[in-house]
PDB file of N, CA and C in Angstrom:
ATOM      1  N   MET A   1       0.847  -1.173   0.000  1.00  0.00           N
ATOM      2  CA  MET A   1       0.000   0.000   0.000  1.00  0.00           C
ATOM      3  C   MET A   1       0.896   1.241   0.000  1.00  0.00           C
ATOM      4  N   SER A   2       0.564   2.200  -0.842  1.00  0.00           N
ATOM      5  CA  SER A   2       1.375   3.416  -0.939  1.00  0.00           C
ATOM      6  C   SER A   2       1.145   4.328   0.268  1.00  0.00           C
ATOM      7  N   LYS A   3       2.007   5.312   0.393  1.00  0.00           N
ATOM      8  CA  LYS A   3       1.901   6.289   1.479  1.00  0.00           C
ATOM      9  C   LYS A   3       0.541   6.992   1.430  1.00  0.00           C
ATOM     10  N   ALA A   4       0.148   7.422   0.246  1.00  0.00           N
ATOM     11  CA  ALA A   4      -1.130   8.127   0.094  1.00  0.00           C
ATOM     12  C   ALA A   4      -2.314   7.214   0.418  1.00  0.00           C
ATOM     13  N   GLU A   5      -2.233   5.950   0.013  1.00  0.00           N
ATOM     14  CA  GLU A   5      -3.319   5.007   0.303  1.00  0.00           C
ATOM     15  C   GLU A   5      -3.439   4.752   1.802  1.00  0.00           C
ATOM     16  N   LEU A   6      -2.298   4.618   2.475  1.00  0.00           N
ATOM     17  CA  LEU A   6      -2.327   4.436   3.925  1.00  0.00           C
ATOM     18  C   LEU A   6      -2.959   5.640   4.614  1.00  0.00           C
ATOM     19  N   LYS A   7      -2.564   6.835   4.202  1.00  0.00           N
ATOM     20  CA  LYS A   7      -3.142   8.051   4.793  1.00  0.00           C
ATOM     21  C   LYS A   7      -4.648   8.093   4.584  1.00  0.00           C
ATOM     22  N   LYS A   8      -5.075   7.763   3.382  1.00  0.00           N
ATOM     23  CA  LYS A   8      -6.507   7.798   3.075  1.00  0.00           C
ATOM     24  C   LYS A   8      -7.274   6.812   3.954  1.00  0.00           C
ATOM     25  N   LYS A   9      -6.731   5.615   4.145  1.00  0.00           N
ATOM     26  CA  LYS A   9      -7.391   4.627   4.996  1.00  0.00           C
ATOM     27  C   LYS A   9      -7.433   5.105   6.450  1.00  0.00           C
ATOM     28  N   ILE A  10      -6.327   5.655   6.933  1.00  0.00           N
ATOM     29  CA  ILE A  10      -6.291   6.158   8.310  1.00  0.00           C
ATOM     30  C   ILE A  10      -7.323   7.266   8.490  1.00  0.00           C
ATOM     31  N   PHE A  11      -7.382   8.192   7.548  1.00  0.00           N
ATOM     32  CA  PHE A  11      -8.348   9.287   7.640  1.00  0.00           C
ATOM     33  C   PHE A  11      -9.784   8.772   7.573  1.00  0.00           C
ATOM     34  N   SER A  12     -10.006   7.709   6.811  1.00  0.00           N
ATOM     35  CA  SER A  12     -11.340   7.108   6.742  1.00  0.00           C
ATOM     36  C   SER A  12     -11.740   6.533   8.097  1.00  0.00           C
ATOM     37  N   TYR A  13     -10.800   5.855   8.741  1.00  0.00           N
ATOM     38  CA  TYR A  13     -11.082   5.331  10.078  1.00  0.00           C
ATOM     39  C   TYR A  13     -11.268   6.466  11.080  1.00  0.00           C
ATOM     40  N   ASP A  14     -10.505   7.540  10.958  1.00  0.00           N
ATOM     41  CA  ASP A  14     -10.691   8.703  11.834  1.00  0.00           C
ATOM     42  C   ASP A  14     -12.124   9.215  11.742  1.00  0.00           C
ATOM     43  N   PHE A  15     -12.616   9.344  10.509  1.00  0.00           N
ATOM     44  CA  PHE A  15     -13.977   9.836  10.297  1.00  0.00           C
ATOM     45  C   PHE A  15     -14.997   8.885  10.922  1.00  0.00           C
ATOM     46  N   ALA A  16     -14.847   7.584  10.648  1.00  0.00           N
ATOM     47  CA  ALA A  16     -15.795   6.603  11.174  1.00  0.00           C
ATOM     48  C   ALA A  16     -15.773   6.572  12.702  1.00  0.00           C
ATOM     49  N   ILE A  17     -14.587   6.658  13.286  1.00  0.00           N
ATOM     50  CA  ILE A  17     -14.464   6.670  14.745  1.00  0.00           C
ATOM     51  C   ILE A  17     -15.163   7.892  15.325  1.00  0.00           C
ATOM     52  N   HIS A  18     -14.946   9.042  14.711  1.00  0.00           N
ATOM     53  CA  HIS A  18     -15.592  10.269  15.185  1.00  0.00           C
ATOM     54  C   HIS A  18     -17.116  10.138  15.126  1.00  0.00           C
ATOM     55  N   GLU A  19     -17.629   9.610  14.026  1.00  0.00           N
ATOM     56  CA  GLU A  19     -19.076   9.438  13.885  1.00  0.00           C
ATOM     57  C   GLU A  19     -19.628   8.455  14.914  1.00  0.00           C
ATOM     58  N   LEU A  20     -18.908   7.378  15.166  1.00  0.00           N
ATOM     59  CA  LEU A  20     -19.361   6.415  16.171  1.00  0.00           C
ATOM     60  C   LEU A  20     -19.370   7.028  17.568  1.00  0.00           C
ATOM     61  N   VAL A  21     -18.374   7.840  17.875  1.00  0.00           N
ATOM     62  CA  VAL A  21     -18.346   8.513  19.179  1.00  0.00           C
ATOM     63  C   VAL A  21     -19.568   9.423  19.326  1.00  0.00           C
ATOM     64  N   LEU A  22     -19.892  10.154  18.271  1.00  0.00           N
ATOM     65  CA  LEU A  22     -21.081  11.010  18.315  1.00  0.00           C
ATOM     66  C   LEU A  22     -22.350  10.178  18.495  1.00  0.00           C
ATOM     67  N   PHE A  23     -22.442   9.064  17.781  1.00  0.00           N
ATOM     68  CA  PHE A  23     -23.597   8.177  17.913  1.00  0.00           C
ATOM     69  C   PHE A  23     -23.708   7.647  19.339  1.00  0.00           C
ATOM     70  N   LEU A  24     -22.575   7.250  19.903  1.00  0.00           N
ATOM     71  CA  LEU A  24     -22.591   6.695  21.256  1.00  0.00           C
ATOM     72  C   LEU A  24     -22.915   7.742  22.319  1.00  0.00           C
ATOM     73  N   ASP A  25     -22.752   9.021  21.991  1.00  0.00           N
ATOM     74  CA  ASP A  25     -23.181  10.074  22.918  1.00  0.00           C
ATOM     75  C   ASP A  25     -24.679   9.994  23.170  1.00  0.00           C
ATOM     76  N   THR A  26     -25.427   9.610  22.151  1.00  0.00           N
ATOM     77  CA  THR A  26     -26.888   9.542  22.282  1.00  0.00           C
ATOM     78  C   THR A  26     -27.404   8.116  22.436  1.00  0.00           C
ATOM     79  N   HIS A  27     -26.542   7.132  22.239  1.00  0.00           N
ATOM     80  CA  HIS A  27     -26.921   5.720  22.361  1.00  0.00           C
ATOM     81  C   HIS A  27     -25.839   4.974  23.161  1.00  0.00           C
ATOM     82  N   PRO A  28     -25.614   5.367  24.410  1.00  0.00           N
ATOM     83  CA  PRO A  28     -24.475   4.832  25.168  1.00  0.00           C
ATOM     84  C   PRO A  28     -24.550   3.339  25.487  1.00  0.00           C
ATOM     85  N   THR A  29     -25.707   2.726  25.348  1.00  0.00           N
ATOM     86  CA  THR A  29     -25.826   1.298  25.667  1.00  0.00           C
ATOM     87  C   THR A  29     -25.800   0.410  24.427  1.00  0.00           C
ATOM     88  N   ASN A  30     -25.536   0.987  23.281  1.00  0.00           N
ATOM     89  CA  ASN A  30     -25.520   0.221  22.034  1.00  0.00           C
ATOM     90  C   ASN A  30     -24.220  -0.588  21.947  1.00  0.00           C
ATOM     91  N   LYS A  31     -24.330  -1.871  22.251  1.00  0.00           N
ATOM     92  CA  LYS A  31     -23.142  -2.732  22.297  1.00  0.00           C
ATOM     93  C   LYS A  31     -22.546  -2.965  20.913  1.00  0.00           C
ATOM     94  N   LYS A  32     -23.383  -3.008  19.903  1.00  0.00           N
ATOM     95  CA  LYS A  32     -22.880  -3.220  18.545  1.00  0.00           C
ATOM     96  C   LYS A  32     -22.012  -2.033  18.111  1.00  0.00           C
ATOM     97  N   ALA A  33     -22.468  -0.825  18.405  1.00  0.00           N
ATOM     98  CA  ALA A  33     -21.695   0.371  18.056  1.00  0.00           C
ATOM     99  C   ALA A  33     -20.397   0.434  18.859  1.00  0.00           C
ATOM    100  N   MET A  34     -20.450   0.046  20.118  1.00  0.00           N
ATOM    101  CA  MET A  34     -19.245   0.051  20.951  1.00  0.00           C
ATOM    102  C   MET A  34     -18.221  -0.956  20.433  1.00  0.00           C
ATOM    103  N   ALA A  35     -18.691  -2.133  20.042  1.00  0.00           N
ATOM    104  CA  ALA A  35     -17.785  -3.148  19.494  1.00  0.00           C
ATOM    105  C   ALA A  35     -17.169  -2.666  18.184  1.00  0.00           C
ATOM    106  N   LEU A  36     -17.970  -2.022  17.356  1.00  0.00           N
ATOM    107  CA  LEU A  36     -17.473  -1.492  16.088  1.00  0.00           C
ATOM    108  C   LEU A  36     -16.438  -0.395  16.330  1.00  0.00           C
ATOM    109  N   LEU A  37     -16.690   0.456  17.325  1.00  0.00           N
ATOM    110  CA  LEU A  37     -15.739   1.505  17.681  1.00  0.00           C
ATOM    111  C   LEU A  37     -14.393   0.900  18.083  1.00  0.00           C
ATOM    112  N   GLU A  38     -14.417  -0.107  18.917  1.00  0.00           N
ATOM    113  CA  GLU A  38     -13.174  -0.751  19.346  1.00  0.00           C
ATOM    114  C   GLU A  38     -12.460  -1.412  18.170  1.00  0.00           C
ATOM    115  N   GLU A  39     -13.222  -2.041  17.284  1.00  0.00           N
ATOM    116  CA  GLU A  39     -12.631  -2.661  16.096  1.00  0.00           C
ATOM    117  C   GLU A  39     -11.954  -1.611  15.216  1.00  0.00           C
ATOM    118  N   TYR A  40     -12.631  -0.488  14.998  1.00  0.00           N
ATOM    119  CA  TYR A  40     -12.074   0.584  14.163  1.00  0.00           C
ATOM    120  C   TYR A  40     -10.845   1.215  14.811  1.00  0.00           C
ATOM    121  N   ARG A  41     -10.873   1.393  16.128  1.00  0.00           N
ATOM    122  CA  ARG A  41      -9.703   1.949  16.818  1.00  0.00           C
ATOM    123  C   ARG A  41      -8.500   1.019  16.673  1.00  0.00           C
ATOM    124  N   LYS A  42      -8.748  -0.277  16.804  1.00  0.00           N
ATOM    125  CA  LYS A  42      -7.667  -1.252  16.663  1.00  0.00           C
ATOM    126  C   LYS A  42      -7.118  -1.236  15.236  1.00  0.00           C
ATOM    127  N   ARG A  43      -8.008  -1.246  14.257  1.00  0.00           N
ATOM    128  CA  ARG A  43      -7.569  -1.248  12.857  1.00  0.00           C
ATOM    129  C   ARG A  43      -6.806   0.030  12.531  1.00  0.00           C
ATOM    130  N   ARG A  44      -7.274   1.173  13.032  1.00  0.00           N
ATOM    131  CA  ARG A  44      -6.575   2.438  12.795  1.00  0.00           C
ATOM    132  C   ARG A  44      -5.168   2.382  13.386  1.00  0.00           C
ATOM    133  N   ALA A  45      -5.059   1.860  14.607  1.00  0.00           N
ATOM    134  CA  ALA A  45      -3.746   1.747  15.252  1.00  0.00           C
ATOM    135  C   ALA A  45      -2.808   0.864  14.428  1.00  0.00           C
ATOM    136  N   GLU A  46      -3.326  -0.220  13.863  1.00  0.00           N
ATOM    137  CA  GLU A  46      -2.512  -1.094  13.009  1.00  0.00           C
ATOM    138  C   GLU A  46      -2.030  -0.348  11.768  1.00  0.00           C
ATOM    139  N   LEU A  47      -2.920   0.439  11.167  1.00  0.00           N
ATOM    140  CA  LEU A  47      -2.550   1.202   9.973  1.00  0.00           C
ATOM    141  C   LEU A  47      -1.508   2.272  10.299  1.00  0.00           C
ATOM    142  N   VAL A  48      -1.665   2.938  11.435  1.00  0.00           N
ATOM    143  CA  VAL A  48      -0.689   3.954  11.841  1.00  0.00           C
ATOM    144  C   VAL A  48       0.668   3.294  12.086  1.00  0.00           C
ATOM    145  N   THR A  49       0.667   2.132  12.715  1.00  0.00           N
ATOM    146  CA  THR A  49       1.923   1.405  12.930  1.00  0.00           C
ATOM    147  C   THR A  49       2.578   1.052  11.602  1.00  0.00           C
ATOM    148  N   ALA A  50       1.789   0.559  10.654  1.00  0.00           N
ATOM    149  CA  ALA A  50       2.321   0.220   9.327  1.00  0.00           C
ATOM    150  C   ALA A  50       2.890   1.456   8.644  1.00  0.00           C
ATOM    151  N   TYR A  51       2.173   2.576   8.755  1.00  0.00           N
ATOM    152  CA  TYR A  51       2.647   3.823   8.158  1.00  0.00           C
ATOM    153  C   TYR A  51       3.985   4.232   8.774  1.00  0.00           C
ATOM    154  N   GLU A  52       4.053   4.221  10.100  1.00  0.00           N
ATOM    155  CA  GLU A  52       5.253   4.683  10.796  1.00  0.00           C
ATOM    156  C   GLU A  52       6.450   3.770  10.551  1.00  0.00           C
ATOM    157  N   GLU A  53       6.218   2.479  10.371  1.00  0.00           N
ATOM    158  CA  GLU A  53       7.322   1.564  10.062  1.00  0.00           C
ATOM    159  C   GLU A  53       7.926   1.871   8.694  1.00  0.00           C
ATOM    160  N   ARG A  54       7.090   2.317   7.765  1.00  0.00           N
ATOM    161  CA  ARG A  54       7.559   2.581   6.401  1.00  0.00           C
ATOM    162  C   ARG A  54       8.013   4.018   6.181  1.00  0.00           C
ATOM    163  N   TYR A  55       7.292   4.978   6.775  1.00  0.00           N
ATOM    164  CA  TYR A  55       7.486   6.378   6.399  1.00  0.00           C
ATOM    165  C   TYR A  55       7.861   7.308   7.544  1.00  0.00           C
ATOM    166  N   GLY A  56       7.915   6.829   8.773  1.00  0.00           N
ATOM    167  CA  GLY A  56       8.222   7.695   9.903  1.00  0.00           C
ATOM    168  C   GLY A  56       6.964   8.110  10.639  1.00  0.00           C
ATOM    169  N   ALA A  57       7.131   9.014  11.575  1.00  0.00           N
ATOM    170  CA  ALA A  57       6.040   9.417  12.464  1.00  0.00           C
ATOM    171  C   ALA A  57       4.834   9.934  11.695  1.00  0.00           C
ATOM    172  N   PHE A  58       3.664   9.467  12.106  1.00  0.00           N
ATOM    173  CA  PHE A  58       2.409   9.936  11.516  1.00  0.00           C
ATOM    174  C   PHE A  58       1.900  11.150  12.277  1.00  0.00           C
ATOM    175  N   ILE A  59       2.016  11.086  13.598  1.00  0.00           N
ATOM    176  CA  ILE A  59       1.657  12.216  14.452  1.00  0.00           C
ATOM    177  C   ILE A  59       2.751  12.362  15.503  1.00  0.00           C
ATOM    178  N   ILE A  60       2.857  13.526  16.065  1.00  0.00           N
ATOM    179  CA  ILE A  60       3.825  13.744  17.138  1.00  0.00           C
ATOM    180  C   ILE A  60       3.206  13.213  18.423  1.00  0.00           C
ATOM    181  N   LYS A  61       3.941  12.340  19.087  1.00  0.00           N
ATOM    182  CA  LYS A  61       3.476  11.733  20.327  1.00  0.00           C
ATOM    183  C   LYS A  61       4.288  12.292  21.481  1.00  0.00           C
ATOM    184  N   PRO A  62       3.701  12.373  22.668  1.00  0.00           N
ATOM    185  CA  PRO A  62       4.464  12.871  23.808  1.00  0.00           C
ATOM    186  C   PRO A  62       5.617  11.935  24.148  1.00  0.00           C
ATOM    187  N   CYS A  63       6.733  12.515  24.548  1.00  0.00           N
ATOM    188  CA  CYS A  63       7.921  11.736  24.911  1.00  0.00           C
ATOM    189  C   CYS A  63       8.353  12.108  26.315  1.00  0.00           C
ATOM    190  N   ASP A  64       8.631  11.110  27.100  1.00  0.00           N
ATOM    191  CA  ASP A  64       9.168  11.366  28.433  1.00  0.00           C
ATOM    192  C   ASP A  64      10.677  11.545  28.370  1.00  0.00           C
ATOM    193  N   THR A  65      11.324  10.708  27.576  1.00  0.00           N
ATOM    194  CA  THR A  65      12.777  10.781  27.441  1.00  0.00           C
ATOM    195  C   THR A  65      13.161  10.437  26.008  1.00  0.00           C
ATOM    196  N   PRO A  66      14.307  10.906  25.553  1.00  0.00           N
ATOM    197  CA  PRO A  66      14.759  10.528  24.211  1.00  0.00           C
ATOM    198  C   PRO A  66      14.966   9.020  24.066  1.00  0.00           C
ATOM    199  N   ALA A  67      15.180   8.310  25.164  1.00  0.00           N
ATOM    200  CA  ALA A  67      15.406   6.864  25.108  1.00  0.00           C
ATOM    201  C   ALA A  67      14.179   6.098  24.626  1.00  0.00           C
ATOM    202  N   THR A  68      13.003   6.723  24.651  1.00  0.00           N
ATOM    203  CA  THR A  68      11.791   6.037  24.199  1.00  0.00           C
ATOM    204  C   THR A  68      11.782   5.841  22.698  1.00  0.00           C
ATOM    205  N   GLY A  69      12.671   6.515  21.985  1.00  0.00           N
ATOM    206  CA  GLY A  69      12.750   6.349  20.541  1.00  0.00           C
ATOM    207  C   GLY A  69      11.782   7.208  19.762  1.00  0.00           C
ATOM    208  N   CYS A  70      11.001   8.016  20.450  1.00  0.00           N
ATOM    209  CA  CYS A  70      10.012   8.800  19.711  1.00  0.00           C
ATOM    210  C   CYS A  70      10.565  10.138  19.231  1.00  0.00           C
ATOM    211  N   TRP A  71      11.861  10.316  19.306  1.00  0.00           N
ATOM    212  CA  TRP A  71      12.470  11.521  18.742  1.00  0.00           C
ATOM    213  C   TRP A  71      12.867  11.302  17.287  1.00  0.00           C
ATOM    214  N   LYS A  72      12.544  10.159  16.702  1.00  0.00           N
ATOM    215  CA  LYS A  72      12.939   9.840  15.334  1.00  0.00           C
ATOM    216  C   LYS A  72      12.352  10.803  14.312  1.00  0.00           C
ATOM    217  N   TRP A  73      11.267  11.476  14.650  1.00  0.00           N
ATOM    218  CA  TRP A  73      10.677  12.423  13.705  1.00  0.00           C
ATOM    219  C   TRP A  73      11.665  13.522  13.348  1.00  0.00           C
ATOM    220  N   LEU A  74      12.657  13.736  14.213  1.00  0.00           N
ATOM    221  CA  LEU A  74      13.679  14.743  13.918  1.00  0.00           C
ATOM    222  C   LEU A  74      14.569  14.332  12.753  1.00  0.00           C
ATOM    223  N   GLU A  75      14.660  13.025  12.494  1.00  0.00           N
ATOM    224  CA  GLU A  75      15.536  12.512  11.449  1.00  0.00           C
ATOM    225  C   GLU A  75      14.946  12.652  10.052  1.00  0.00           C
ATOM    226  N   GLY A  76      13.639  12.698   9.945  1.00  0.00           N
ATOM    227  CA  GLY A  76      12.983  12.760   8.639  1.00  0.00           C
ATOM    228  C   GLY A  76      12.848  14.183   8.140  1.00  0.00           C
ATOM    229  N   PRO A  77      12.232  14.347   6.974  1.00  0.00           N
ATOM    230  CA  PRO A  77      12.031  15.700   6.450  1.00  0.00           C
ATOM    231  C   PRO A  77      11.018  16.474   7.300  1.00  0.00           C
ATOM    232  N   TRP A  78      11.190  17.774   7.343  1.00  0.00           N
ATOM    233  CA  TRP A  78      10.241  18.635   8.034  1.00  0.00           C
ATOM    234  C   TRP A  78       8.987  18.760   7.177  1.00  0.00           C
ATOM    235  N   PRO A  79       7.847  19.111   7.771  1.00  0.00           N
ATOM    236  CA  PRO A  79       6.596  19.159   7.010  1.00  0.00           C
ATOM    237  C   PRO A  79       6.677  20.005   5.744  1.00  0.00           C
ATOM    238  N   TRP A  80       7.421  21.091   5.770  1.00  0.00           N
ATOM    239  CA  TRP A  80       7.504  21.960   4.598  1.00  0.00           C
ATOM    240  C   TRP A  80       8.495  21.438   3.555  1.00  0.00           C
ATOM    241  N   GLU A  81       9.188  20.345   3.873  1.00  0.00           N
ATOM    242  CA  GLU A  81      10.157  19.788   2.938  1.00  0.00           C
ATOM    243  C   GLU A  81       9.564  18.718   2.018  1.00  0.00           C
ATOM    244  N   ASN A  82       8.316  18.360   2.217  1.00  0.00           N
ATOM    245  CA  ASN A  82       7.651  17.427   1.313  1.00  0.00           C
ATOM    246  C   ASN A  82       6.167  17.750   1.258  1.00  0.00           C
ATOM    247  N   ASN A  83       5.502  17.211   0.281  1.00  0.00           N
ATOM    248  CA  ASN A  83       4.068  17.441   0.138  1.00  0.00           C
ATOM    249  C   ASN A  83       3.339  16.330   0.871  1.00  0.00           C
ATOM    250  N   PHE A  84       2.682  16.659   1.959  1.00  0.00           N
ATOM    251  CA  PHE A  84       2.041  15.695   2.843  1.00  0.00           C
ATOM    252  C   PHE A  84       1.045  14.796   2.121  1.00  0.00           C
ATOM    253  N   MET A  85       0.216  15.340   1.279  1.00  0.00           N
ATOM    254  CA  MET A  85      -0.865  14.554   0.694  1.00  0.00           C
ATOM    255  C   MET A  85      -0.487  13.819  -0.587  1.00  0.00           C
ATOM    256  N   GLU A  86       0.669  14.045  -1.138  1.00  0.00           N
ATOM    257  CA  GLU A  86       1.015  13.391  -2.393  1.00  0.00           C
ATOM    258  C   GLU A  86       1.447  11.947  -2.220  1.00  0.00           C
ATOM    259  N   GLY A  87       1.959  11.596  -1.067  1.00  0.00           N
ATOM    260  CA  GLY A  87       2.367  10.206  -0.873  1.00  0.00           C
ATOM    261  C   GLY A  87       3.698   9.977  -1.278  1.00  0.00           C
TER     262      GLY A  87
END
């Protein structure tokens, strides 16, 4: 899967997750929606992991220490050095 395809899938899951959260605000006991939300969150996390293994950080995450390895975003290009949506 290309960089652009991964981003598109992640953004699709972001949208679906947001919509499910809104639905659950008014239907908090809907177990089917809750299960779907958890499934989508898990799938999104898998896609983000796949993206980060291939292309570097997808989002900036909080770091307690440089030893956690999350300072790697410093090694890649800065946002203005590439076109984010082109892949």
